[in-house]
N, C-alpha and C. Protein backbone atom coordinates (compact mmCIF):
# COMPACT_ATOMS: atom_id res chain seq x y z
N UNK A 1 3.69 -0.88 2.12
CA UNK A 1 3.65 -0.32 0.80
C UNK A 1 5.06 0.06 0.36
N UNK A 2 5.43 -0.31 -0.86
CA UNK A 2 6.75 -0.04 -1.39
C UNK A 2 6.68 0.97 -2.52
N UNK A 3 7.57 1.95 -2.48
CA UNK A 3 7.62 3.01 -3.48
C UNK A 3 9.04 3.09 -4.03
N UNK A 4 9.15 3.26 -5.35
CA UNK A 4 10.45 3.42 -6.00
C UNK A 4 10.54 4.79 -6.66
N UNK A 5 11.69 5.44 -6.52
CA UNK A 5 11.98 6.66 -7.27
C UNK A 5 13.13 6.35 -8.21
N UNK A 6 12.89 6.48 -9.51
CA UNK A 6 13.92 6.24 -10.52
C UNK A 6 14.24 7.57 -11.20
N UNK A 7 15.40 8.11 -10.90
CA UNK A 7 15.82 9.41 -11.46
C UNK A 7 17.33 9.42 -11.51
N UNK A 8 17.89 10.04 -12.55
CA UNK A 8 19.35 10.02 -12.66
C UNK A 8 20.03 11.10 -11.82
N UNK A 9 19.26 11.81 -11.02
CA UNK A 9 19.83 12.80 -10.10
C UNK A 9 19.58 12.34 -8.66
N UNK A 10 20.64 12.05 -7.94
CA UNK A 10 20.52 11.53 -6.58
C UNK A 10 19.82 12.51 -5.65
N UNK A 11 20.04 13.82 -5.84
CA UNK A 11 19.42 14.79 -4.93
C UNK A 11 17.90 14.80 -5.08
N UNK A 12 17.39 14.51 -6.27
CA UNK A 12 15.93 14.44 -6.46
C UNK A 12 15.38 13.22 -5.73
N UNK A 13 16.09 12.11 -5.82
CA UNK A 13 15.69 10.90 -5.09
C UNK A 13 15.65 11.18 -3.59
N UNK A 14 16.70 11.80 -3.08
CA UNK A 14 16.77 12.08 -1.64
C UNK A 14 15.66 13.03 -1.20
N UNK A 15 15.39 14.07 -2.02
CA UNK A 15 14.31 15.01 -1.68
C UNK A 15 12.96 14.31 -1.64
N UNK A 16 12.69 13.46 -2.64
CA UNK A 16 11.40 12.76 -2.69
C UNK A 16 11.26 11.76 -1.54
N UNK A 17 12.33 11.05 -1.23
CA UNK A 17 12.26 10.10 -0.11
C UNK A 17 11.95 10.85 1.18
N UNK A 18 12.57 12.02 1.37
CA UNK A 18 12.28 12.81 2.57
C UNK A 18 10.81 13.25 2.59
N UNK A 19 10.32 13.80 1.47
CA UNK A 19 8.93 14.27 1.39
C UNK A 19 7.95 13.13 1.61
N UNK A 20 8.21 11.99 0.98
CA UNK A 20 7.32 10.83 1.12
C UNK A 20 7.32 10.32 2.56
N UNK A 21 8.46 10.40 3.22
CA UNK A 21 8.53 9.99 4.62
C UNK A 21 7.65 10.85 5.51
N UNK A 22 7.50 12.12 5.15
CA UNK A 22 6.62 13.02 5.91
C UNK A 22 5.15 12.75 5.59
N UNK A 23 4.86 12.46 4.32
CA UNK A 23 3.46 12.29 3.89
C UNK A 23 2.94 10.89 4.18
N UNK A 24 3.80 9.88 3.94
CA UNK A 24 3.40 8.48 4.08
C UNK A 24 4.44 7.75 4.91
N UNK A 25 4.48 7.98 6.21
CA UNK A 25 5.55 7.41 7.04
C UNK A 25 5.58 5.88 7.05
N UNK A 26 4.44 5.24 6.70
CA UNK A 26 4.41 3.77 6.71
C UNK A 26 5.03 3.16 5.45
N UNK A 27 5.29 3.99 4.44
CA UNK A 27 5.81 3.49 3.16
C UNK A 27 7.30 3.20 3.25
N UNK A 28 7.73 2.17 2.51
CA UNK A 28 9.16 1.88 2.37
C UNK A 28 9.59 2.44 1.02
N UNK A 29 10.51 3.40 1.04
CA UNK A 29 10.92 4.08 -0.19
C UNK A 29 12.32 3.65 -0.62
N UNK A 30 12.45 3.39 -1.90
CA UNK A 30 13.72 2.98 -2.49
C UNK A 30 14.02 3.95 -3.64
N UNK A 31 15.29 4.11 -3.95
CA UNK A 31 15.66 4.98 -5.06
C UNK A 31 16.81 4.40 -5.86
N UNK A 32 16.83 4.73 -7.15
CA UNK A 32 17.96 4.32 -7.98
C UNK A 32 18.21 5.36 -9.06
N UNK A 33 19.49 5.61 -9.32
CA UNK A 33 19.88 6.49 -10.43
C UNK A 33 20.19 5.67 -11.68
N UNK A 34 20.12 4.36 -11.56
CA UNK A 34 20.45 3.46 -12.68
C UNK A 34 19.16 2.82 -13.22
N UNK A 35 18.66 3.28 -14.37
CA UNK A 35 17.39 2.74 -14.87
C UNK A 35 17.43 1.24 -15.15
N UNK A 36 18.60 0.69 -15.42
CA UNK A 36 18.68 -0.75 -15.69
C UNK A 36 18.36 -1.57 -14.44
N UNK A 37 18.43 -0.95 -13.25
CA UNK A 37 18.12 -1.64 -12.00
C UNK A 37 16.61 -1.72 -11.73
N UNK A 38 15.83 -0.89 -12.40
CA UNK A 38 14.39 -0.80 -12.09
C UNK A 38 13.68 -2.15 -12.22
N UNK A 39 13.81 -2.89 -13.34
CA UNK A 39 13.11 -4.19 -13.42
C UNK A 39 13.52 -5.17 -12.33
N UNK A 40 14.81 -5.19 -11.98
CA UNK A 40 15.28 -6.11 -10.93
C UNK A 40 14.69 -5.72 -9.58
N UNK A 41 14.71 -4.42 -9.28
CA UNK A 41 14.13 -3.95 -8.02
C UNK A 41 12.64 -4.23 -7.97
N UNK A 42 11.96 -4.05 -9.10
CA UNK A 42 10.52 -4.30 -9.14
C UNK A 42 10.23 -5.78 -8.86
N UNK A 43 10.99 -6.67 -9.47
CA UNK A 43 10.78 -8.10 -9.24
C UNK A 43 10.98 -8.47 -7.77
N UNK A 44 11.87 -7.74 -7.09
CA UNK A 44 12.16 -8.04 -5.70
C UNK A 44 11.13 -7.43 -4.74
N UNK A 45 10.70 -6.19 -5.01
CA UNK A 45 9.89 -5.45 -4.03
C UNK A 45 8.43 -5.20 -4.45
N UNK A 46 8.10 -5.45 -5.72
CA UNK A 46 6.70 -5.30 -6.19
C UNK A 46 6.12 -3.94 -5.79
N UNK A 47 6.68 -2.88 -6.30
CA UNK A 47 6.29 -1.52 -5.92
C UNK A 47 4.85 -1.21 -6.33
N UNK A 48 4.12 -0.56 -5.42
CA UNK A 48 2.78 -0.08 -5.74
C UNK A 48 2.83 1.24 -6.50
N UNK A 49 3.88 2.04 -6.23
CA UNK A 49 4.05 3.33 -6.89
C UNK A 49 5.49 3.45 -7.37
N UNK A 50 5.65 3.93 -8.61
CA UNK A 50 6.98 4.24 -9.12
C UNK A 50 6.99 5.68 -9.62
N UNK A 51 7.89 6.48 -9.06
CA UNK A 51 8.14 7.82 -9.58
C UNK A 51 9.21 7.66 -10.65
N UNK A 52 8.86 7.99 -11.89
CA UNK A 52 9.73 7.67 -13.03
C UNK A 52 10.16 8.93 -13.76
N UNK A 53 11.47 9.19 -13.75
CA UNK A 53 12.03 10.24 -14.60
C UNK A 53 11.88 9.78 -16.06
N UNK A 54 11.91 10.72 -16.98
CA UNK A 54 11.73 10.33 -18.39
C UNK A 54 13.06 10.27 -19.13
N UNK A 55 13.84 11.34 -19.07
CA UNK A 55 15.13 11.34 -19.76
C UNK A 55 16.20 10.82 -18.83
N UNK A 56 16.54 9.53 -19.03
CA UNK A 56 17.59 8.89 -18.22
C UNK A 56 18.59 8.23 -19.16
N UNK A 57 19.82 8.03 -18.70
CA UNK A 57 20.84 7.44 -19.56
C UNK A 57 20.44 6.04 -20.06
N UNK A 58 20.48 5.87 -21.36
CA UNK A 58 20.28 4.54 -21.94
C UNK A 58 18.85 4.14 -22.19
N UNK A 59 17.88 4.82 -21.56
CA UNK A 59 16.49 4.42 -21.77
C UNK A 59 15.55 5.58 -21.47
N UNK A 60 14.45 5.60 -22.18
CA UNK A 60 13.40 6.57 -21.93
C UNK A 60 12.51 6.02 -20.82
N UNK A 61 12.18 6.84 -19.83
CA UNK A 61 11.37 6.39 -18.71
C UNK A 61 9.99 5.88 -19.11
N UNK A 62 9.45 6.41 -20.21
CA UNK A 62 8.14 5.94 -20.68
C UNK A 62 8.24 4.50 -21.17
N UNK A 63 9.32 4.20 -21.89
CA UNK A 63 9.53 2.82 -22.35
C UNK A 63 9.75 1.88 -21.17
N UNK A 64 10.47 2.36 -20.17
CA UNK A 64 10.71 1.56 -18.97
C UNK A 64 9.41 1.31 -18.22
N UNK A 65 8.56 2.33 -18.15
CA UNK A 65 7.24 2.16 -17.51
C UNK A 65 6.42 1.12 -18.24
N UNK A 66 6.47 1.14 -19.57
CA UNK A 66 5.72 0.13 -20.35
C UNK A 66 6.18 -1.28 -20.02
N UNK A 67 7.49 -1.46 -19.81
CA UNK A 67 8.02 -2.78 -19.43
C UNK A 67 7.41 -3.23 -18.10
N UNK A 68 7.41 -2.31 -17.12
CA UNK A 68 6.86 -2.63 -15.80
C UNK A 68 5.37 -2.94 -15.91
N UNK A 69 4.63 -2.11 -16.64
CA UNK A 69 3.18 -2.26 -16.74
C UNK A 69 2.79 -3.53 -17.49
N UNK A 70 3.66 -4.01 -18.38
CA UNK A 70 3.35 -5.26 -19.08
C UNK A 70 3.35 -6.44 -18.10
N UNK A 71 4.11 -6.32 -17.01
CA UNK A 71 4.15 -7.37 -15.99
C UNK A 71 3.15 -7.11 -14.87
N UNK A 72 2.95 -5.85 -14.53
CA UNK A 72 2.09 -5.49 -13.40
C UNK A 72 1.27 -4.26 -13.77
N UNK A 73 0.15 -4.46 -14.48
CA UNK A 73 -0.60 -3.33 -15.02
C UNK A 73 -1.22 -2.40 -13.98
N UNK A 74 -1.33 -2.84 -12.73
CA UNK A 74 -1.93 -1.99 -11.70
C UNK A 74 -0.89 -1.19 -10.91
N UNK A 75 0.31 -1.09 -11.45
CA UNK A 75 1.33 -0.25 -10.82
C UNK A 75 1.01 1.22 -11.11
N UNK A 76 1.08 2.04 -10.09
CA UNK A 76 0.87 3.49 -10.26
C UNK A 76 2.18 4.11 -10.71
N UNK A 77 2.19 4.60 -11.96
CA UNK A 77 3.36 5.30 -12.48
C UNK A 77 3.12 6.80 -12.36
N UNK A 78 4.03 7.49 -11.69
CA UNK A 78 3.99 8.95 -11.60
C UNK A 78 5.25 9.47 -12.28
N UNK A 79 5.07 10.10 -13.43
CA UNK A 79 6.23 10.63 -14.16
C UNK A 79 6.70 11.93 -13.52
N UNK A 80 8.02 12.07 -13.43
CA UNK A 80 8.62 13.30 -12.92
C UNK A 80 9.63 13.77 -13.96
N UNK A 81 9.48 14.98 -14.45
CA UNK A 81 10.36 15.46 -15.51
C UNK A 81 10.36 16.97 -15.57
N UNK A 82 11.39 17.51 -16.20
CA UNK A 82 11.45 18.94 -16.46
C UNK A 82 11.02 19.27 -17.86
N UNK A 83 10.56 18.25 -18.61
CA UNK A 83 10.24 18.44 -20.03
C UNK A 83 8.75 18.17 -20.27
N UNK A 84 7.98 19.24 -20.38
CA UNK A 84 6.52 19.10 -20.50
C UNK A 84 6.08 18.50 -21.84
N UNK A 85 6.95 18.49 -22.84
CA UNK A 85 6.55 17.94 -24.14
C UNK A 85 6.24 16.45 -24.08
N UNK A 86 6.62 15.80 -22.98
CA UNK A 86 6.35 14.37 -22.85
C UNK A 86 4.96 14.06 -22.28
N UNK A 87 4.27 15.09 -21.83
CA UNK A 87 3.01 14.87 -21.09
C UNK A 87 2.03 14.00 -21.87
N UNK A 88 1.82 14.32 -23.13
CA UNK A 88 0.83 13.57 -23.92
C UNK A 88 1.22 12.11 -24.07
N UNK A 89 2.49 11.84 -24.36
CA UNK A 89 2.93 10.46 -24.53
C UNK A 89 2.83 9.69 -23.21
N UNK A 90 3.08 10.37 -22.10
CA UNK A 90 3.01 9.71 -20.79
C UNK A 90 1.64 9.13 -20.54
N UNK A 91 0.61 9.83 -20.94
CA UNK A 91 -0.74 9.37 -20.64
C UNK A 91 -1.18 8.21 -21.53
N UNK A 92 -0.38 7.87 -22.55
CA UNK A 92 -0.68 6.65 -23.31
C UNK A 92 -0.39 5.41 -22.46
N UNK A 93 0.35 5.59 -21.37
CA UNK A 93 0.60 4.46 -20.45
C UNK A 93 -0.38 4.52 -19.26
N UNK A 94 -1.38 5.39 -19.35
CA UNK A 94 -2.39 5.54 -18.29
C UNK A 94 -1.73 5.83 -16.95
N UNK A 95 -0.88 6.84 -16.99
CA UNK A 95 -0.14 7.22 -15.78
C UNK A 95 -1.08 7.75 -14.70
N UNK A 96 -0.63 7.62 -13.45
CA UNK A 96 -1.38 8.19 -12.34
C UNK A 96 -1.19 9.70 -12.27
N UNK A 97 -0.01 10.18 -12.67
CA UNK A 97 0.23 11.63 -12.64
C UNK A 97 1.45 11.97 -13.49
N UNK A 98 1.53 13.25 -13.86
CA UNK A 98 2.67 13.80 -14.58
C UNK A 98 3.08 15.04 -13.80
N UNK A 99 4.24 14.99 -13.14
CA UNK A 99 4.69 16.09 -12.30
C UNK A 99 5.90 16.77 -12.93
N UNK A 100 5.78 18.07 -13.10
CA UNK A 100 6.89 18.83 -13.67
C UNK A 100 7.82 19.29 -12.55
N UNK A 101 9.10 19.06 -12.74
CA UNK A 101 10.10 19.48 -11.76
C UNK A 101 10.24 21.00 -11.81
N UNK A 102 10.51 21.65 -10.67
CA UNK A 102 10.65 21.08 -9.32
C UNK A 102 9.28 20.71 -8.74
N UNK A 103 9.27 19.65 -7.94
CA UNK A 103 8.01 19.09 -7.42
C UNK A 103 7.74 19.65 -6.04
N UNK A 104 6.60 20.31 -5.89
CA UNK A 104 6.24 20.86 -4.58
C UNK A 104 5.53 19.80 -3.74
N UNK A 105 5.45 20.04 -2.44
CA UNK A 105 4.75 19.13 -1.54
C UNK A 105 3.28 19.00 -1.93
N UNK A 106 2.66 20.12 -2.31
CA UNK A 106 1.25 20.08 -2.71
C UNK A 106 1.04 19.23 -3.95
N UNK A 107 1.95 19.35 -4.93
CA UNK A 107 1.86 18.52 -6.14
C UNK A 107 1.95 17.04 -5.78
N UNK A 108 2.88 16.74 -4.88
CA UNK A 108 3.11 15.36 -4.48
C UNK A 108 1.89 14.79 -3.76
N UNK A 109 1.33 15.56 -2.82
CA UNK A 109 0.15 15.11 -2.10
C UNK A 109 -1.03 14.90 -3.04
N UNK A 110 -1.21 15.81 -3.98
CA UNK A 110 -2.32 15.70 -4.93
C UNK A 110 -2.19 14.44 -5.77
N UNK A 111 -0.98 14.15 -6.23
CA UNK A 111 -0.75 12.95 -7.03
C UNK A 111 -1.05 11.69 -6.22
N UNK A 112 -0.63 11.67 -4.96
CA UNK A 112 -0.85 10.49 -4.11
C UNK A 112 -2.32 10.34 -3.72
N UNK A 113 -3.04 11.45 -3.63
CA UNK A 113 -4.47 11.40 -3.29
C UNK A 113 -5.33 10.96 -4.47
N UNK A 114 -4.77 10.99 -5.68
CA UNK A 114 -5.55 10.69 -6.88
C UNK A 114 -4.91 9.61 -7.73
N UNK A 115 -4.40 8.59 -7.08
CA UNK A 115 -3.76 7.50 -7.81
C UNK A 115 -4.77 6.77 -8.69
N UNK A 116 -4.30 6.33 -9.83
CA UNK A 116 -5.16 5.56 -10.74
C UNK A 116 -5.65 4.28 -10.07
N UNK A 117 -4.76 3.65 -9.31
CA UNK A 117 -5.11 2.43 -8.58
C UNK A 117 -4.90 2.71 -7.09
N UNK A 118 -5.97 3.13 -6.39
CA UNK A 118 -5.83 3.48 -4.96
C UNK A 118 -5.24 2.34 -4.15
N UNK A 119 -4.49 2.72 -3.14
CA UNK A 119 -3.80 1.74 -2.31
C UNK A 119 -4.71 1.23 -1.21
N UNK A 120 -4.57 -0.03 -0.90
CA UNK A 120 -5.37 -0.66 0.14
C UNK A 120 -4.64 -0.60 1.47
N UNK A 121 -5.41 -0.55 2.56
CA UNK A 121 -4.82 -0.65 3.90
C UNK A 121 -4.34 -2.07 4.17
N UNK A 122 -4.81 -3.02 3.37
CA UNK A 122 -4.47 -4.43 3.61
C UNK A 122 -3.20 -4.75 2.84
N UNK A 123 -2.11 -4.93 3.56
CA UNK A 123 -0.82 -5.19 2.94
C UNK A 123 -0.60 -6.69 2.74
N UNK A 124 0.41 -7.01 1.93
CA UNK A 124 0.77 -8.42 1.73
C UNK A 124 1.20 -9.06 3.05
N UNK A 125 1.84 -8.27 3.93
CA UNK A 125 2.27 -8.79 5.23
C UNK A 125 1.08 -9.21 6.07
N UNK A 126 0.01 -8.40 6.03
CA UNK A 126 -1.20 -8.73 6.80
C UNK A 126 -1.81 -10.02 6.28
N UNK A 127 -1.91 -10.14 4.95
CA UNK A 127 -2.49 -11.35 4.36
C UNK A 127 -1.65 -12.57 4.73
N UNK A 128 -0.32 -12.42 4.67
CA UNK A 128 0.56 -13.53 5.02
C UNK A 128 0.37 -13.94 6.48
N UNK A 129 0.26 -12.94 7.36
CA UNK A 129 0.08 -13.24 8.78
C UNK A 129 -1.23 -13.98 9.04
N UNK A 130 -2.27 -13.64 8.30
CA UNK A 130 -3.56 -14.29 8.50
C UNK A 130 -3.48 -15.79 8.26
N UNK A 131 -2.60 -16.18 7.33
CA UNK A 131 -2.54 -17.59 6.96
C UNK A 131 -1.26 -18.28 7.42
N UNK A 132 -0.54 -17.64 8.33
CA UNK A 132 0.72 -18.24 8.77
C UNK A 132 0.63 -18.80 10.19
N UNK A 133 -0.56 -18.85 10.75
CA UNK A 133 -0.72 -19.40 12.09
C UNK A 133 -0.50 -18.38 13.19
N UNK A 134 -0.25 -17.13 12.83
CA UNK A 134 -0.02 -16.10 13.85
C UNK A 134 -1.34 -15.57 14.41
N UNK A 135 -2.42 -15.82 13.71
CA UNK A 135 -3.76 -15.44 14.19
C UNK A 135 -3.83 -13.98 14.60
N UNK A 136 -3.27 -13.11 13.75
CA UNK A 136 -3.22 -11.68 14.08
C UNK A 136 -4.61 -11.13 14.36
N UNK A 137 -5.57 -11.40 13.47
CA UNK A 137 -6.91 -10.85 13.66
C UNK A 137 -7.56 -11.45 14.89
N UNK A 138 -7.37 -12.74 15.12
CA UNK A 138 -7.93 -13.36 16.31
C UNK A 138 -7.44 -12.71 17.59
N UNK A 139 -6.14 -12.41 17.63
CA UNK A 139 -5.58 -11.73 18.81
C UNK A 139 -6.17 -10.35 18.97
N UNK A 140 -6.41 -9.66 17.84
CA UNK A 140 -6.99 -8.31 17.89
C UNK A 140 -8.44 -8.36 18.37
N UNK A 141 -9.19 -9.36 17.90
CA UNK A 141 -10.57 -9.51 18.37
C UNK A 141 -10.59 -9.74 19.87
N UNK A 142 -9.71 -10.63 20.34
CA UNK A 142 -9.65 -10.92 21.77
C UNK A 142 -9.30 -9.68 22.58
N UNK A 143 -8.30 -8.90 22.11
CA UNK A 143 -7.91 -7.69 22.84
C UNK A 143 -9.05 -6.68 22.86
N UNK A 144 -9.71 -6.49 21.71
CA UNK A 144 -10.82 -5.52 21.64
C UNK A 144 -11.96 -5.96 22.56
N UNK A 145 -12.22 -7.28 22.60
CA UNK A 145 -13.27 -7.81 23.49
C UNK A 145 -12.92 -7.55 24.94
N UNK A 146 -11.67 -7.85 25.31
CA UNK A 146 -11.24 -7.66 26.70
C UNK A 146 -11.24 -6.18 27.07
N UNK A 147 -10.83 -5.31 26.11
CA UNK A 147 -10.84 -3.87 26.37
C UNK A 147 -12.26 -3.36 26.64
N UNK A 148 -13.24 -4.01 26.03
CA UNK A 148 -14.65 -3.64 26.25
C UNK A 148 -15.21 -4.28 27.51
N UNK A 149 -14.42 -5.16 28.15
CA UNK A 149 -14.87 -5.81 29.37
C UNK A 149 -15.88 -6.91 29.13
N UNK A 150 -15.84 -7.52 27.94
CA UNK A 150 -16.77 -8.59 27.60
C UNK A 150 -16.10 -9.95 27.75
N UNK A 151 -16.85 -10.92 28.23
CA UNK A 151 -16.37 -12.30 28.22
C UNK A 151 -16.61 -12.87 26.83
N UNK A 152 -15.99 -14.02 26.55
CA UNK A 152 -16.25 -14.69 25.27
C UNK A 152 -17.74 -14.98 25.12
N UNK A 153 -18.36 -15.45 26.20
CA UNK A 153 -19.77 -15.81 26.13
C UNK A 153 -20.64 -14.58 25.87
N UNK A 154 -20.28 -13.45 26.46
CA UNK A 154 -21.05 -12.23 26.23
C UNK A 154 -20.96 -11.78 24.77
N UNK A 155 -19.76 -11.89 24.19
CA UNK A 155 -19.62 -11.57 22.76
C UNK A 155 -20.41 -12.56 21.93
N UNK A 156 -20.32 -13.83 22.28
CA UNK A 156 -21.07 -14.87 21.55
C UNK A 156 -22.57 -14.58 21.59
N UNK A 157 -23.07 -14.20 22.75
CA UNK A 157 -24.50 -13.90 22.89
C UNK A 157 -24.88 -12.70 22.02
N UNK A 158 -24.04 -11.65 22.07
CA UNK A 158 -24.32 -10.46 21.25
C UNK A 158 -24.28 -10.77 19.77
N UNK A 159 -23.43 -11.74 19.39
CA UNK A 159 -23.29 -12.13 17.99
C UNK A 159 -24.28 -13.21 17.59
N UNK A 160 -24.97 -13.79 18.59
CA UNK A 160 -25.90 -14.89 18.34
C UNK A 160 -25.18 -16.11 17.76
N UNK A 161 -24.00 -16.42 18.36
CA UNK A 161 -23.24 -17.61 17.96
C UNK A 161 -22.86 -18.37 19.23
N UNK A 162 -22.34 -19.56 19.07
CA UNK A 162 -21.89 -20.35 20.22
C UNK A 162 -20.58 -19.78 20.77
N UNK A 163 -20.35 -19.98 22.07
CA UNK A 163 -19.11 -19.53 22.70
C UNK A 163 -17.89 -20.15 22.03
N UNK A 164 -18.03 -21.38 21.57
CA UNK A 164 -16.93 -22.07 20.90
C UNK A 164 -16.53 -21.35 19.60
N UNK A 165 -17.50 -20.72 18.94
CA UNK A 165 -17.21 -20.00 17.70
C UNK A 165 -16.30 -18.81 17.97
N UNK A 166 -16.59 -18.06 19.04
CA UNK A 166 -15.74 -16.92 19.41
C UNK A 166 -14.34 -17.42 19.75
N UNK A 167 -14.25 -18.54 20.48
CA UNK A 167 -12.94 -19.11 20.80
C UNK A 167 -12.16 -19.42 19.51
N UNK A 168 -12.84 -19.98 18.53
CA UNK A 168 -12.16 -20.34 17.26
C UNK A 168 -11.69 -19.09 16.52
N UNK A 169 -12.52 -18.01 16.54
CA UNK A 169 -12.06 -16.76 15.92
C UNK A 169 -10.79 -16.26 16.59
N UNK A 170 -10.81 -16.25 17.90
CA UNK A 170 -9.70 -15.66 18.65
C UNK A 170 -8.43 -16.52 18.59
N UNK A 171 -8.59 -17.81 18.44
CA UNK A 171 -7.42 -18.69 18.35
C UNK A 171 -6.87 -18.77 16.94
N UNK A 172 -7.62 -18.23 15.96
CA UNK A 172 -7.18 -18.29 14.58
C UNK A 172 -7.58 -19.56 13.86
N UNK A 173 -8.35 -20.44 14.53
CA UNK A 173 -8.80 -21.67 13.89
C UNK A 173 -9.86 -21.41 12.81
N UNK A 174 -10.56 -20.30 12.97
CA UNK A 174 -11.61 -19.98 12.01
C UNK A 174 -11.62 -18.47 11.77
N UNK A 175 -11.86 -18.07 10.51
CA UNK A 175 -11.96 -16.65 10.18
C UNK A 175 -13.42 -16.29 9.96
N UNK A 176 -13.91 -15.21 10.59
CA UNK A 176 -15.29 -14.79 10.33
C UNK A 176 -15.43 -14.28 8.90
N UNK A 177 -16.60 -14.48 8.30
CA UNK A 177 -16.84 -13.92 6.97
C UNK A 177 -17.00 -12.41 7.08
N UNK A 178 -17.11 -11.73 5.94
CA UNK A 178 -17.13 -10.26 5.93
C UNK A 178 -18.29 -9.70 6.75
N UNK A 179 -19.51 -10.21 6.54
CA UNK A 179 -20.67 -9.69 7.27
C UNK A 179 -20.50 -9.88 8.77
N UNK A 180 -20.01 -11.05 9.17
CA UNK A 180 -19.78 -11.32 10.59
C UNK A 180 -18.70 -10.40 11.15
N UNK A 181 -17.65 -10.20 10.36
CA UNK A 181 -16.55 -9.34 10.76
C UNK A 181 -17.04 -7.92 11.02
N UNK A 182 -17.92 -7.41 10.16
CA UNK A 182 -18.48 -6.07 10.34
C UNK A 182 -19.31 -5.98 11.62
N UNK A 183 -20.07 -7.04 11.92
CA UNK A 183 -20.86 -7.06 13.16
C UNK A 183 -19.94 -7.08 14.39
N UNK A 184 -18.86 -7.83 14.31
CA UNK A 184 -17.89 -7.87 15.42
C UNK A 184 -17.34 -6.46 15.67
N UNK A 185 -16.95 -5.77 14.58
CA UNK A 185 -16.40 -4.42 14.73
C UNK A 185 -17.43 -3.49 15.38
N UNK A 186 -18.69 -3.62 14.96
CA UNK A 186 -19.74 -2.75 15.51
C UNK A 186 -19.94 -3.02 17.01
N UNK A 187 -20.03 -4.29 17.38
CA UNK A 187 -20.25 -4.64 18.79
C UNK A 187 -19.07 -4.23 19.67
N UNK A 188 -17.86 -4.41 19.13
CA UNK A 188 -16.67 -4.09 19.92
C UNK A 188 -16.27 -2.62 19.82
N UNK A 189 -16.96 -1.87 18.97
CA UNK A 189 -16.66 -0.44 18.84
C UNK A 189 -15.28 -0.17 18.31
N UNK A 190 -14.84 -1.00 17.34
CA UNK A 190 -13.50 -0.83 16.78
C UNK A 190 -13.61 -0.64 15.27
N UNK A 191 -12.48 -0.50 14.61
CA UNK A 191 -12.49 -0.29 13.16
C UNK A 191 -11.54 -1.26 12.47
N UNK A 192 -11.60 -1.25 11.15
CA UNK A 192 -10.80 -2.18 10.35
C UNK A 192 -9.31 -2.01 10.61
N UNK A 193 -8.84 -0.76 10.62
CA UNK A 193 -7.41 -0.52 10.81
C UNK A 193 -6.91 -1.13 12.12
N UNK A 194 -7.69 -0.99 13.18
CA UNK A 194 -7.29 -1.51 14.49
C UNK A 194 -7.20 -3.03 14.45
N UNK A 195 -8.16 -3.67 13.78
CA UNK A 195 -8.20 -5.13 13.81
C UNK A 195 -7.19 -5.79 12.87
N UNK A 196 -6.76 -5.09 11.80
CA UNK A 196 -5.85 -5.76 10.86
C UNK A 196 -4.42 -5.28 10.98
N UNK A 197 -4.17 -4.19 11.71
CA UNK A 197 -2.79 -3.69 11.81
C UNK A 197 -2.04 -4.48 12.87
N UNK A 198 -0.70 -4.54 12.68
CA UNK A 198 0.14 -5.26 13.65
C UNK A 198 0.31 -4.44 14.91
C-alpha cells in the first residue's frame, strides 16, 4: 500500500510518516512539499491514500485532489489543514476525512479506520505474483498442508478431488476457485492472510 503526504511544511510530512509507520508498518509512505510533484508521483506509485494540505504555494489542495480523482476516483483523500473554513468545500470531493492541524494519533487512526474506499489485503504485488509463474499461493497451500502433516492424497480425499488436482494447485498450474479456496483454508486450518502474503 502506498501513501502520499502533500504539505508545504516538511516537519508535518516527517511527523505523519513517523505516525503512519507506527500505525501501518506495511505501508510505503512518500512525502512532498512541492504540490506540482503530486500528479507525477501519483502516476508512478498509484497511491491508495493521499494526505492533502489545502493552502499550498501555487495551487489549492482541493483543486489538486480533483485532478487526482478525475484519473483515479477511488483514491482516499484525507485533507489536513489549519483552516476549518474549507471543510464544506472539501466534502464536495467526497473526501475520506478532514483533519484539522495539529493532528493527533487518535484522529489519524479514526480517519484510517473509516476510509471511504477501504483498503484490501490483496496488493498489486500479490496479484502480479499469482500470474508471474512464482506460484505463491501454491507454495503456501503446500506448506500449510505439510504443516498439518497431510499428504497430497489425504488433502485430495478431504477435498473430494483427484491427487493430480492438488499437485496442480501447489505447482501453480491451476488456481482453485473461490469456493474451493475457502474449503482448502478450512481443511488446512489457515486464513487468507497466511495464504496470500509473501
